[in-house]
PDB file of N, CA and C in Angstrom:
ATOM      1  N   MET A   1      15.836  -7.076   3.789  1.00  0.00           N
ATOM      2  CA  MET A   1      15.217  -6.322   2.716  1.00  0.00           C
ATOM      3  C   MET A   1      16.299  -5.916   1.721  1.00  0.00           C
ATOM      4  N   THR A   2      16.078  -6.164   0.467  1.00  0.00           N
ATOM      5  CA  THR A   2      17.048  -5.757  -0.540  1.00  0.00           C
ATOM      6  C   THR A   2      16.934  -4.256  -0.782  1.00  0.00           C
ATOM      7  N   ALA A   3      17.992  -3.687  -1.296  1.00  0.00           N
ATOM      8  CA  ALA A   3      17.987  -2.239  -1.550  1.00  0.00           C
ATOM      9  C   ALA A   3      16.846  -1.827  -2.476  1.00  0.00           C
ATOM     10  N   PRO A   4      16.602  -2.551  -3.581  1.00  0.00           N
ATOM     11  CA  PRO A   4      15.499  -2.134  -4.443  1.00  0.00           C
ATOM     12  C   PRO A   4      14.144  -2.179  -3.730  1.00  0.00           C
ATOM     13  N   THR A   5      13.925  -3.198  -2.891  1.00  0.00           N
ATOM     14  CA  THR A   5      12.662  -3.277  -2.166  1.00  0.00           C
ATOM     15  C   THR A   5      12.566  -2.149  -1.144  1.00  0.00           C
ATOM     16  N   THR A   6      13.652  -1.840  -0.484  1.00  0.00           N
ATOM     17  CA  THR A   6      13.671  -0.730   0.468  1.00  0.00           C
ATOM     18  C   THR A   6      13.338   0.578  -0.240  1.00  0.00           C
ATOM     19  N   ALA A   7      13.952   0.808  -1.398  1.00  0.00           N
ATOM     20  CA  ALA A   7      13.683   2.030  -2.158  1.00  0.00           C
ATOM     21  C   ALA A   7      12.226   2.083  -2.610  1.00  0.00           C
ATOM     22  N   LEU A   8      11.686   0.946  -3.020  1.00  0.00           N
ATOM     23  CA  LEU A   8      10.286   0.889  -3.436  1.00  0.00           C
ATOM     24  C   LEU A   8       9.366   1.200  -2.257  1.00  0.00           C
ATOM     25  N   LEU A   9       9.610   0.579  -1.115  1.00  0.00           N
ATOM     26  CA  LEU A   9       8.789   0.867   0.069  1.00  0.00           C
ATOM     27  C   LEU A   9       8.874   2.342   0.447  1.00  0.00           C
ATOM     28  N   ASP A  10      10.075   2.905   0.414  1.00  0.00           N
ATOM     29  CA  ASP A  10      10.249   4.328   0.744  1.00  0.00           C
ATOM     30  C   ASP A  10       9.444   5.217  -0.207  1.00  0.00           C
ATOM     31  N   ALA A  11       9.498   4.916  -1.489  1.00  0.00           N
ATOM     32  CA  ALA A  11       8.763   5.715  -2.481  1.00  0.00           C
ATOM     33  C   ALA A  11       7.253   5.577  -2.285  1.00  0.00           C
ATOM     34  N   ILE A  12       6.800   4.381  -1.972  1.00  0.00           N
ATOM     35  CA  ILE A  12       5.366   4.161  -1.721  1.00  0.00           C
ATOM     36  C   ILE A  12       4.923   4.957  -0.503  1.00  0.00           C
ATOM     37  N   ILE A  13       5.683   4.862   0.575  1.00  0.00           N
ATOM     38  CA  ILE A  13       5.331   5.585   1.805  1.00  0.00           C
ATOM     39  C   ILE A  13       5.313   7.092   1.560  1.00  0.00           C
ATOM     40  N   GLU A  14       6.287   7.586   0.819  1.00  0.00           N
ATOM     41  CA  GLU A  14       6.316   9.014   0.514  1.00  0.00           C
ATOM     42  C   GLU A  14       5.065   9.430  -0.264  1.00  0.00           C
ATOM     43  N   GLY A  15       4.700   8.629  -1.248  1.00  0.00           N
ATOM     44  CA  GLY A  15       3.497   8.932  -2.026  1.00  0.00           C
ATOM     45  C   GLY A  15       2.249   8.941  -1.160  1.00  0.00           C
ATOM     46  N   LEU A  16       2.152   8.009  -0.232  1.00  0.00           N
ATOM     47  CA  LEU A  16       0.995   7.974   0.668  1.00  0.00           C
ATOM     48  C   LEU A  16       0.987   9.170   1.619  1.00  0.00           C
ATOM     49  N   ARG A  17       2.140   9.490   2.161  1.00  0.00           N
ATOM     50  CA  ARG A  17       2.215  10.616   3.111  1.00  0.00           C
ATOM     51  C   ARG A  17       1.970  11.955   2.426  1.00  0.00           C
ATOM     52  N   ASP A  18       2.357  12.074   1.163  1.00  0.00           N
ATOM     53  CA  ASP A  18       2.150  13.333   0.444  1.00  0.00           C
ATOM     54  C   ASP A  18       0.678  13.725   0.366  1.00  0.00           C
ATOM     55  N   VAL A  19      -0.208  12.747   0.413  1.00  0.00           N
ATOM     56  CA  VAL A  19      -1.638  13.018   0.295  1.00  0.00           C
ATOM     57  C   VAL A  19      -2.360  12.660   1.605  1.00  0.00           C
ATOM     58  N   LYS A  20      -1.579  12.600   2.688  1.00  0.00           N
ATOM     59  CA  LYS A  20      -2.129  12.434   4.044  1.00  0.00           C
ATOM     60  C   LYS A  20      -2.879  11.128   4.259  1.00  0.00           C
ATOM     61  N   ALA A  21      -2.308  10.013   3.803  1.00  0.00           N
ATOM     62  CA  ALA A  21      -2.902   8.692   4.063  1.00  0.00           C
ATOM     63  C   ALA A  21      -2.975   8.473   5.569  1.00  0.00           C
ATOM     64  N   ARG A  22      -3.954   7.700   5.974  1.00  0.00           N
ATOM     65  CA  ARG A  22      -4.153   7.392   7.388  1.00  0.00           C
ATOM     66  C   ARG A  22      -3.744   5.950   7.658  1.00  0.00           C
ATOM     67  N   HIS A  23      -3.250   5.715   8.863  1.00  0.00           N
ATOM     68  CA  HIS A  23      -2.933   4.390   9.400  1.00  0.00           C
ATOM     69  C   HIS A  23      -2.142   3.539   8.386  1.00  0.00           C
ATOM     70  N   ILE A  24      -0.974   4.050   7.998  1.00  0.00           N
ATOM     71  CA  ILE A  24      -0.115   3.333   7.054  1.00  0.00           C
ATOM     72  C   ILE A  24       0.511   2.136   7.778  1.00  0.00           C
ATOM     73  N   THR A  25       0.343   0.964   7.193  1.00  0.00           N
ATOM     74  CA  THR A  25       0.811  -0.279   7.799  1.00  0.00           C
ATOM     75  C   THR A  25       1.643  -1.049   6.777  1.00  0.00           C
ATOM     76  N   ILE A  26       2.794  -1.551   7.228  1.00  0.00           N
ATOM     77  CA  ILE A  26       3.632  -2.401   6.385  1.00  0.00           C
ATOM     78  C   ILE A  26       3.580  -3.809   6.978  1.00  0.00           C
ATOM     79  N   MET A  27       3.221  -4.764   6.131  1.00  0.00           N
ATOM     80  CA  MET A  27       3.165  -6.158   6.558  1.00  0.00           C
ATOM     81  C   MET A  27       4.236  -6.946   5.818  1.00  0.00           C
ATOM     82  N   ASP A  28       5.148  -7.535   6.565  1.00  0.00           N
ATOM     83  CA  ASP A  28       6.218  -8.348   5.996  1.00  0.00           C
ATOM     84  C   ASP A  28       5.712  -9.788   5.924  1.00  0.00           C
ATOM     85  N   LEU A  29       5.492 -10.268   4.716  1.00  0.00           N
ATOM     86  CA  LEU A  29       4.926 -11.598   4.489  1.00  0.00           C
ATOM     87  C   LEU A  29       5.980 -12.636   4.099  1.00  0.00           C
ATOM     88  N   ARG A  30       7.231 -12.250   4.120  1.00  0.00           N
ATOM     89  CA  ARG A  30       8.282 -13.134   3.582  1.00  0.00           C
ATOM     90  C   ARG A  30       8.418 -14.460   4.324  1.00  0.00           C
ATOM     91  N   LYS A  31       8.065 -14.511   5.588  1.00  0.00           N
ATOM     92  CA  LYS A  31       8.207 -15.755   6.354  1.00  0.00           C
ATOM     93  C   LYS A  31       6.942 -16.616   6.322  1.00  0.00           C
ATOM     94  N   ILE A  32       5.942 -16.176   5.598  1.00  0.00           N
ATOM     95  CA  ILE A  32       4.683 -16.918   5.519  1.00  0.00           C
ATOM     96  C   ILE A  32       4.699 -17.794   4.269  1.00  0.00           C
ATOM     97  N   PRO A  33       4.563 -19.106   4.461  1.00  0.00           N
ATOM     98  CA  PRO A  33       4.568 -19.999   3.290  1.00  0.00           C
ATOM     99  C   PRO A  33       3.437 -19.652   2.322  1.00  0.00           C
ATOM    100  N   ASN A  34       3.742 -19.686   1.057  1.00  0.00           N
ATOM    101  CA  ASN A  34       2.768 -19.459  -0.021  1.00  0.00           C
ATOM    102  C   ASN A  34       2.175 -18.047  -0.036  1.00  0.00           C
ATOM    103  N   ALA A  35       2.847 -17.092   0.582  1.00  0.00           N
ATOM    104  CA  ALA A  35       2.367 -15.708   0.527  1.00  0.00           C
ATOM    105  C   ALA A  35       2.427 -15.220  -0.916  1.00  0.00           C
ATOM    106  N   VAL A  36       1.499 -14.356  -1.275  1.00  0.00           N
ATOM    107  CA  VAL A  36       1.381 -13.892  -2.650  1.00  0.00           C
ATOM    108  C   VAL A  36       2.412 -12.823  -3.018  1.00  0.00           C
ATOM    109  N   THR A  37       3.074 -12.253  -2.030  1.00  0.00           N
ATOM    110  CA  THR A  37       4.047 -11.193  -2.247  1.00  0.00           C
ATOM    111  C   THR A  37       4.955 -11.126  -1.023  1.00  0.00           C
ATOM    112  N   ASP A  38       5.970 -10.269  -1.078  1.00  0.00           N
ATOM    113  CA  ASP A  38       6.849 -10.099   0.081  1.00  0.00           C
ATOM    114  C   ASP A  38       6.265  -9.130   1.107  1.00  0.00           C
ATOM    115  N   TYR A  39       5.623  -8.063   0.620  1.00  0.00           N
ATOM    116  CA  TYR A  39       5.088  -7.035   1.517  1.00  0.00           C
ATOM    117  C   TYR A  39       3.718  -6.569   1.057  1.00  0.00           C
ATOM    118  N   PHE A  40       2.873  -6.259   2.022  1.00  0.00           N
ATOM    119  CA  PHE A  40       1.671  -5.461   1.805  1.00  0.00           C
ATOM    120  C   PHE A  40       1.934  -4.111   2.440  1.00  0.00           C
ATOM    121  N   VAL A  41       1.531  -3.056   1.772  1.00  0.00           N
ATOM    122  CA  VAL A  41       1.452  -1.736   2.380  1.00  0.00           C
ATOM    123  C   VAL A  41      -0.023  -1.379   2.345  1.00  0.00           C
ATOM    124  N   ILE A  42      -0.578  -1.067   3.512  1.00  0.00           N
ATOM    125  CA  ILE A  42      -2.013  -0.810   3.635  1.00  0.00           C
ATOM    126  C   ILE A  42      -2.193   0.584   4.227  1.00  0.00           C
ATOM    127  N   ALA A  43      -3.148   1.318   3.665  1.00  0.00           N
ATOM    128  CA  ALA A  43      -3.467   2.646   4.179  1.00  0.00           C
ATOM    129  C   ALA A  43      -4.911   2.956   3.817  1.00  0.00           C
ATOM    130  N   HIS A  44      -5.427   4.051   4.355  1.00  0.00           N
ATOM    131  CA  HIS A  44      -6.770   4.449   3.945  1.00  0.00           C
ATOM    132  C   HIS A  44      -6.886   5.962   3.847  1.00  0.00           C
ATOM    133  N   GLY A  45      -7.914   6.347   3.099  1.00  0.00           N
ATOM    134  CA  GLY A  45      -8.274   7.750   2.949  1.00  0.00           C
ATOM    135  C   GLY A  45      -9.688   7.942   3.466  1.00  0.00           C
ATOM    136  N   THR A  46     -10.069   9.195   3.633  1.00  0.00           N
ATOM    137  CA  THR A  46     -11.368   9.502   4.231  1.00  0.00           C
ATOM    138  C   THR A  46     -12.455   9.795   3.207  1.00  0.00           C
ATOM    139  N   SER A  47     -12.104   9.758   1.930  1.00  0.00           N
ATOM    140  CA  SER A  47     -13.101   9.972   0.876  1.00  0.00           C
ATOM    141  C   SER A  47     -12.662   9.206  -0.363  1.00  0.00           C
ATOM    142  N   ARG A  48     -13.596   9.016  -1.283  1.00  0.00           N
ATOM    143  CA  ARG A  48     -13.246   8.337  -2.540  1.00  0.00           C
ATOM    144  C   ARG A  48     -12.239   9.162  -3.333  1.00  0.00           C
ATOM    145  N   THR A  49     -12.390  10.473  -3.265  1.00  0.00           N
ATOM    146  CA  THR A  49     -11.454  11.361  -3.955  1.00  0.00           C
ATOM    147  C   THR A  49     -10.050  11.192  -3.392  1.00  0.00           C
ATOM    148  N   GLN A  50      -9.939  11.088  -2.066  1.00  0.00           N
ATOM    149  CA  GLN A  50      -8.620  10.916  -1.463  1.00  0.00           C
ATOM    150  C   GLN A  50      -8.033   9.546  -1.800  1.00  0.00           C
ATOM    151  N   VAL A  51      -8.850   8.512  -1.833  1.00  0.00           N
ATOM    152  CA  VAL A  51      -8.361   7.178  -2.203  1.00  0.00           C
ATOM    153  C   VAL A  51      -7.750   7.238  -3.607  1.00  0.00           C
ATOM    154  N   ASP A  52      -8.428   7.873  -4.527  1.00  0.00           N
ATOM    155  CA  ASP A  52      -7.917   8.019  -5.891  1.00  0.00           C
ATOM    156  C   ASP A  52      -6.622   8.838  -5.893  1.00  0.00           C
ATOM    157  N   ALA A  53      -6.596   9.923  -5.135  1.00  0.00           N
ATOM    158  CA  ALA A  53      -5.405  10.775  -5.073  1.00  0.00           C
ATOM    159  C   ALA A  53      -4.224  10.028  -4.459  1.00  0.00           C
ATOM    160  N   LEU A  54      -4.482   9.207  -3.461  1.00  0.00           N
ATOM    161  CA  LEU A  54      -3.413   8.419  -2.844  1.00  0.00           C
ATOM    162  C   LEU A  54      -2.803   7.449  -3.854  1.00  0.00           C
ATOM    163  N   ALA A  55      -3.648   6.765  -4.599  1.00  0.00           N
ATOM    164  CA  ALA A  55      -3.156   5.825  -5.604  1.00  0.00           C
ATOM    165  C   ALA A  55      -2.306   6.541  -6.646  1.00  0.00           C
ATOM    166  N   ARG A  56      -2.787   7.647  -7.116  1.00  0.00           N
ATOM    167  CA  ARG A  56      -2.035   8.400  -8.134  1.00  0.00           C
ATOM    168  C   ARG A  56      -0.717   8.944  -7.570  1.00  0.00           C
ATOM    169  N   SER A  57      -0.743   9.371  -6.315  1.00  0.00           N
ATOM    170  CA  SER A  57       0.472   9.875  -5.680  1.00  0.00           C
ATOM    171  C   SER A  57       1.522   8.775  -5.535  1.00  0.00           C
ATOM    172  N   VAL A  58       1.091   7.572  -5.182  1.00  0.00           N
ATOM    173  CA  VAL A  58       2.024   6.445  -5.092  1.00  0.00           C
ATOM    174  C   VAL A  58       2.623   6.160  -6.464  1.00  0.00           C
ATOM    175  N   GLU A  59       1.800   6.168  -7.497  1.00  0.00           N
ATOM    176  CA  GLU A  59       2.314   5.918  -8.851  1.00  0.00           C
ATOM    177  C   GLU A  59       3.340   6.964  -9.254  1.00  0.00           C
ATOM    178  N   VAL A  60       3.067   8.222  -8.988  1.00  0.00           N
ATOM    179  CA  VAL A  60       3.999   9.299  -9.334  1.00  0.00           C
ATOM    180  C   VAL A  60       5.288   9.153  -8.539  1.00  0.00           C
ATOM    181  N   SER A  61       5.168   8.929  -7.233  1.00  0.00           N
ATOM    182  CA  SER A  61       6.342   8.829  -6.369  1.00  0.00           C
ATOM    183  C   SER A  61       7.248   7.670  -6.773  1.00  0.00           C
ATOM    184  N   THR A  62       6.663   6.515  -7.051  1.00  0.00           N
ATOM    185  CA  THR A  62       7.497   5.366  -7.420  1.00  0.00           C
ATOM    186  C   THR A  62       8.153   5.578  -8.790  1.00  0.00           C
ATOM    187  N   TYR A  63       7.457   6.248  -9.686  1.00  0.00           N
ATOM    188  CA  TYR A  63       8.049   6.499 -10.991  1.00  0.00           C
ATOM    189  C   TYR A  63       9.163   7.545 -10.908  1.00  0.00           C
ATOM    190  N   VAL A  64       8.910   8.629 -10.206  1.00  0.00           N
ATOM    191  CA  VAL A  64       9.889   9.718 -10.105  1.00  0.00           C
ATOM    192  C   VAL A  64      11.151   9.266  -9.370  1.00  0.00           C
ATOM    193  N   HIS A  65      10.982   8.544  -8.270  1.00  0.00           N
ATOM    194  CA  HIS A  65      12.136   8.202  -7.440  1.00  0.00           C
ATOM    195  C   HIS A  65      12.910   6.980  -7.915  1.00  0.00           C
ATOM    196  N   ILE A  66      12.209   5.964  -8.425  1.00  0.00           N
ATOM    197  CA  ILE A  66      12.925   4.729  -8.775  1.00  0.00           C
ATOM    198  C   ILE A  66      12.506   4.154 -10.133  1.00  0.00           C
ATOM    199  N   HIS A  67      11.747   4.923 -10.900  1.00  0.00           N
ATOM    200  CA  HIS A  67      11.333   4.514 -12.244  1.00  0.00           C
ATOM    201  C   HIS A  67      10.580   3.185 -12.254  1.00  0.00           C
ATOM    202  N   GLU A  68       9.753   2.980 -11.238  1.00  0.00           N
ATOM    203  CA  GLU A  68       8.911   1.786 -11.144  1.00  0.00           C
ATOM    204  C   GLU A  68       7.460   2.168 -11.401  1.00  0.00           C
ATOM    205  N   VAL A  69       6.759   1.304 -12.102  1.00  0.00           N
ATOM    206  CA  VAL A  69       5.315   1.456 -12.292  1.00  0.00           C
ATOM    207  C   VAL A  69       4.661   0.155 -11.845  1.00  0.00           C
ATOM    208  N   PRO A  70       3.430   0.223 -11.368  1.00  0.00           N
ATOM    209  CA  PRO A  70       2.781  -1.021 -10.937  1.00  0.00           C
ATOM    210  C   PRO A  70       2.537  -1.960 -12.113  1.00  0.00           C
ATOM    211  N   TRP A  71       2.650  -3.250 -11.840  1.00  0.00           N
ATOM    212  CA  TRP A  71       2.363  -4.272 -12.851  1.00  0.00           C
ATOM    213  C   TRP A  71       0.872  -4.352 -13.100  1.00  0.00           C
ATOM    214  N   GLY A  72       0.114  -4.049 -12.066  1.00  0.00           N
ATOM    215  CA  GLY A  72      -1.332  -4.092 -12.179  1.00  0.00           C
ATOM    216  C   GLY A  72      -1.978  -3.061 -11.261  1.00  0.00           C
ATOM    217  N   LYS A  73      -3.140  -2.566 -11.689  1.00  0.00           N
ATOM    218  CA  LYS A  73      -3.922  -1.609 -10.900  1.00  0.00           C
ATOM    219  C   LYS A  73      -5.369  -2.070 -10.926  1.00  0.00           C
ATOM    220  N   HIS A  74      -5.985  -2.092  -9.763  1.00  0.00           N
ATOM    221  CA  HIS A  74      -7.369  -2.554  -9.677  1.00  0.00           C
ATOM    222  C   HIS A  74      -8.153  -1.655  -8.733  1.00  0.00           C
ATOM    223  N   GLY A  75      -9.411  -1.429  -9.051  1.00  0.00           N
ATOM    224  CA  GLY A  75     -10.309  -0.706  -8.156  1.00  0.00           C
ATOM    225  C   GLY A  75     -10.330   0.796  -8.296  1.00  0.00           C
ATOM    226  N   LEU A  76      -9.675   1.341  -9.300  1.00  0.00           N
ATOM    227  CA  LEU A  76      -9.614   2.796  -9.426  1.00  0.00           C
ATOM    228  C   LEU A  76     -10.984   3.422  -9.677  1.00  0.00           C
ATOM    229  N   ARG A  77     -11.907   2.680 -10.209  1.00  0.00           N
ATOM    230  CA  ARG A  77     -13.214   3.257 -10.546  1.00  0.00           C
ATOM    231  C   ARG A  77     -14.153   3.403  -9.361  1.00  0.00           C
ATOM    232  N   ASN A  78     -14.035   2.507  -8.370  1.00  0.00           N
ATOM    233  CA  ASN A  78     -15.029   2.555  -7.294  1.00  0.00           C
ATOM    234  C   ASN A  78     -14.608   3.396  -6.099  1.00  0.00           C
ATOM    235  N   GLY A  79     -13.326   3.645  -5.920  1.00  0.00           N
ATOM    236  CA  GLY A  79     -12.866   4.510  -4.843  1.00  0.00           C
ATOM    237  C   GLY A  79     -12.996   3.919  -3.451  1.00  0.00           C
ATOM    238  N   GLU A  80     -13.227   2.608  -3.351  1.00  0.00           N
ATOM    239  CA  GLU A  80     -13.339   1.976  -2.042  1.00  0.00           C
ATOM    240  C   GLU A  80     -12.094   1.174  -1.684  1.00  0.00           C
ATOM    241  N   TRP A  81     -11.482   0.524  -2.669  1.00  0.00           N
ATOM    242  CA  TRP A  81     -10.298  -0.294  -2.426  1.00  0.00           C
ATOM    243  C   TRP A  81      -9.489  -0.328  -3.712  1.00  0.00           C
ATOM    244  N   VAL A  82      -8.319   0.279  -3.677  1.00  0.00           N
ATOM    245  CA  VAL A  82      -7.423   0.289  -4.831  1.00  0.00           C
ATOM    246  C   VAL A  82      -6.229  -0.596  -4.503  1.00  0.00           C
ATOM    247  N   ILE A  83      -5.851  -1.425  -5.460  1.00  0.00           N
ATOM    248  CA  ILE A  83      -4.679  -2.272  -5.316  1.00  0.00           C
ATOM    249  C   ILE A  83      -3.676  -1.878  -6.396  1.00  0.00           C
ATOM    250  N   LEU A  84      -2.456  -1.606  -5.961  1.00  0.00           N
ATOM    251  CA  LEU A  84      -1.345  -1.350  -6.873  1.00  0.00           C
ATOM    252  C   LEU A  84      -0.342  -2.479  -6.669  1.00  0.00           C
ATOM    253  N   ASP A  85      -0.132  -3.277  -7.692  1.00  0.00           N
ATOM    254  CA  ASP A  85       0.717  -4.460  -7.590  1.00  0.00           C
ATOM    255  C   ASP A  85       2.080  -4.173  -8.197  1.00  0.00           C
ATOM    256  N   PHE A  86       3.089  -4.095  -7.332  1.00  0.00           N
ATOM    257  CA  PHE A  86       4.464  -3.903  -7.778  1.00  0.00           C
ATOM    258  C   PHE A  86       5.238  -5.231  -7.715  1.00  0.00           C
ATOM    259  N   SER A  87       4.530  -6.333  -7.732  1.00  0.00           N
ATOM    260  CA  SER A  87       5.064  -7.692  -7.661  1.00  0.00           C
ATOM    261  C   SER A  87       5.526  -8.047  -6.251  1.00  0.00           C
ATOM    262  N   ASN A  88       6.679  -7.559  -5.817  1.00  0.00           N
ATOM    263  CA  ASN A  88       7.144  -7.920  -4.474  1.00  0.00           C
ATOM    264  C   ASN A  88       6.551  -7.036  -3.372  1.00  0.00           C
ATOM    265  N   VAL A  89       5.842  -5.985  -3.755  1.00  0.00           N
ATOM    266  CA  VAL A  89       5.099  -5.144  -2.815  1.00  0.00           C
ATOM    267  C   VAL A  89       3.729  -4.873  -3.426  1.00  0.00           C
ATOM    268  N   VAL A  90       2.686  -5.141  -2.652  1.00  0.00           N
ATOM    269  CA  VAL A  90       1.325  -4.854  -3.092  1.00  0.00           C
ATOM    270  C   VAL A  90       0.753  -3.788  -2.163  1.00  0.00           C
ATOM    271  N   VAL A  91       0.261  -2.714  -2.751  1.00  0.00           N
ATOM    272  CA  VAL A  91      -0.287  -1.595  -1.997  1.00  0.00           C
ATOM    273  C   VAL A  91      -1.811  -1.695  -2.007  1.00  0.00           C
ATOM    274  N   HIS A  92      -2.400  -1.624  -0.814  1.00  0.00           N
ATOM    275  CA  HIS A  92      -3.857  -1.635  -0.658  1.00  0.00           C
ATOM    276  C   HIS A  92      -4.263  -0.283  -0.080  1.00  0.00           C
ATOM    277  N   ILE A  93      -5.084   0.447  -0.826  1.00  0.00           N
ATOM    278  CA  ILE A  93      -5.568   1.747  -0.357  1.00  0.00           C
ATOM    279  C   ILE A  93      -7.086   1.658  -0.244  1.00  0.00           C
ATOM    280  N   PHE A  94      -7.567   1.793   0.971  1.00  0.00           N
ATOM    281  CA  PHE A  94      -8.985   1.645   1.256  1.00  0.00           C
ATOM    282  C   PHE A  94      -9.649   2.976   1.548  1.00  0.00           C
ATOM    283  N   HIS A  95     -10.948   3.025   1.359  1.00  0.00           N
ATOM    284  CA  HIS A  95     -11.776   4.071   1.969  1.00  0.00           C
ATOM    285  C   HIS A  95     -11.909   3.653   3.427  1.00  0.00           C
ATOM    286  N   GLU A  96     -11.856   4.604   4.354  1.00  0.00           N
ATOM    287  CA  GLU A  96     -11.813   4.239   5.771  1.00  0.00           C
ATOM    288  C   GLU A  96     -13.015   3.413   6.231  1.00  0.00           C
ATOM    289  N   GLU A  97     -14.166   3.575   5.597  1.00  0.00           N
ATOM    290  CA  GLU A  97     -15.343   2.803   5.993  1.00  0.00           C
ATOM    291  C   GLU A  97     -15.264   1.352   5.522  1.00  0.00           C
ATOM    292  N   VAL A  98     -14.450   1.087   4.506  1.00  0.00           N
ATOM    293  CA  VAL A  98     -14.351  -0.248   3.916  1.00  0.00           C
ATOM    294  C   VAL A  98     -13.215  -1.059   4.543  1.00  0.00           C
ATOM    295  N   ARG A  99     -12.172  -0.400   4.989  1.00  0.00           N
ATOM    296  CA  ARG A  99     -10.985  -1.105   5.495  1.00  0.00           C
ATOM    297  C   ARG A  99     -11.297  -2.154   6.566  1.00  0.00           C
ATOM    298  N   PRO A 100     -12.104  -1.845   7.576  1.00  0.00           N
ATOM    299  CA  PRO A 100     -12.371  -2.871   8.603  1.00  0.00           C
ATOM    300  C   PRO A 100     -13.094  -4.108   8.057  1.00  0.00           C
ATOM    301  N   ARG A 101     -13.859  -3.941   7.010  1.00  0.00           N
ATOM    302  CA  ARG A 101     -14.602  -5.066   6.422  1.00  0.00           C
ATOM    303  C   ARG A 101     -13.653  -6.152   5.907  1.00  0.00           C
ATOM    304  N   TYR A 102     -12.516  -5.748   5.352  1.00  0.00           N
ATOM    305  CA  TYR A 102     -11.579  -6.703   4.784  1.00  0.00           C
ATOM    306  C   TYR A 102     -10.511  -7.151   5.782  1.00  0.00           C
ATOM    307  N   ALA A 103     -10.194  -6.340   6.758  1.00  0.00           N
ATOM    308  CA  ALA A 103      -9.309  -6.691   7.881  1.00  0.00           C
ATOM    309  C   ALA A 103      -8.076  -7.487   7.447  1.00  0.00           C
ATOM    310  N   LEU A 104      -7.330  -6.949   6.505  1.00  0.00           N
ATOM    311  CA  LEU A 104      -6.154  -7.658   5.997  1.00  0.00           C
ATOM    312  C   LEU A 104      -5.128  -7.928   7.089  1.00  0.00           C
ATOM    313  N   GLU A 105      -5.011  -7.024   8.035  1.00  0.00           N
ATOM    314  CA  GLU A 105      -4.060  -7.221   9.129  1.00  0.00           C
ATOM    315  C   GLU A 105      -4.416  -8.463   9.947  1.00  0.00           C
ATOM    316  N   GLU A 106      -5.689  -8.754  10.080  1.00  0.00           N
ATOM    317  CA  GLU A 106      -6.116  -9.951  10.812  1.00  0.00           C
ATOM    318  C   GLU A 106      -6.009 -11.195   9.928  1.00  0.00           C
ATOM    319  N   LEU A 107      -6.349 -11.051   8.671  1.00  0.00           N
ATOM    320  CA  LEU A 107      -6.301 -12.175   7.745  1.00  0.00           C
ATOM    321  C   LEU A 107      -4.878 -12.719   7.603  1.00  0.00           C
ATOM    322  N   TRP A 108      -3.918 -11.817   7.586  1.00  0.00           N
ATOM    323  CA  TRP A 108      -2.508 -12.180   7.482  1.00  0.00           C
ATOM    324  C   TRP A 108      -1.832 -11.952   8.838  1.00  0.00           C
ATOM    325  N   GLY A 109      -2.467 -12.400   9.895  1.00  0.00           N
ATOM    326  CA  GLY A 109      -2.020 -12.147  11.262  1.00  0.00           C
ATOM    327  C   GLY A 109      -0.653 -12.716  11.604  1.00  0.00           C
ATOM    328  N   ASP A 110      -0.135 -13.672  10.816  1.00  0.00           N
ATOM    329  CA  ASP A 110       1.193 -14.223  11.072  1.00  0.00           C
ATOM    330  C   ASP A 110       2.310 -13.330  10.548  1.00  0.00           C
ATOM    331  N   ALA A 111       1.953 -12.313   9.824  1.00  0.00           N
ATOM    332  CA  ALA A 111       2.957 -11.406   9.260  1.00  0.00           C
ATOM    333  C   ALA A 111       3.537 -10.511  10.348  1.00  0.00           C
ATOM    334  N   GLU A 112       4.755 -10.050  10.085  1.00  0.00           N
ATOM    335  CA  GLU A 112       5.345  -9.021  10.943  1.00  0.00           C
ATOM    336  C   GLU A 112       4.704  -7.704  10.519  1.00  0.00           C
ATOM    337  N   ILE A 113       4.076  -7.001  11.464  1.00  0.00           N
ATOM    338  CA  ILE A 113       3.303  -5.811  11.138  1.00  0.00           C
ATOM    339  C   ILE A 113       3.938  -4.585  11.784  1.00  0.00           C
ATOM    340  N   LYS A 114       4.106  -3.563  10.968  1.00  0.00           N
ATOM    341  CA  LYS A 114       4.662  -2.288  11.455  1.00  0.00           C
ATOM    342  C   LYS A 114       3.688  -1.179  11.062  1.00  0.00           C
ATOM    343  N   VAL A 115       3.176  -0.465  12.057  1.00  0.00           N
ATOM    344  CA  VAL A 115       2.289   0.671  11.812  1.00  0.00           C
ATOM    345  C   VAL A 115       3.124   1.931  11.912  1.00  0.00           C
ATOM    346  N   LEU A 116       3.082   2.743  10.885  1.00  0.00           N
ATOM    347  CA  LEU A 116       3.873   3.973  10.866  1.00  0.00           C
ATOM    348  C   LEU A 116       3.134   5.090  11.584  1.00  0.00           C
ATOM    349  N   GLU A 117       3.887   5.950  12.205  1.00  0.00           N
ATOM    350  CA  GLU A 117       3.292   7.110  12.863  1.00  0.00           C
ATOM    351  C   GLU A 117       2.736   8.051  11.816  1.00  0.00           C
ATOM    352  N   GLU A 118       1.653   8.731  12.186  1.00  0.00           N
ATOM    353  CA  GLU A 118       1.069   9.723  11.271  1.00  0.00           C
ATOM    354  C   GLU A 118       2.080  10.840  11.069  1.00  0.00           C
ATOM    355  N   ALA A 119       2.244  11.266   9.832  1.00  0.00           N
ATOM    356  CA  ALA A 119       3.211  12.326   9.520  1.00  0.00           C
ATOM    357  C   ALA A 119       2.593  13.686   9.725  1.00  0.00           C
TER     358      ALA A 119
END
């Protein structure tokens, strides 16, 4: 992991933990051919309001700590699945009822997966 990617992951995790994200998972996709990014960070919230707050917290944390902003943001209006694309790291924030439907951890099952302890 390069220092900038490590700093980005740290800032993302801090932003998620600040708003009590659940089941934070880091998926290392670097060894998977044709992967769309180097890392996925996946987490969920228990309400649409929390999903929105988690996304905003990640944006604030990455900007404050390392002056990074996402290249793209998707799903902010529906509160079920928000994607923040930082190019080499893509953050997926789900509503807890929606997360199992997409099962990204299973879809990308060849990735190295690390589940963080609840803070």
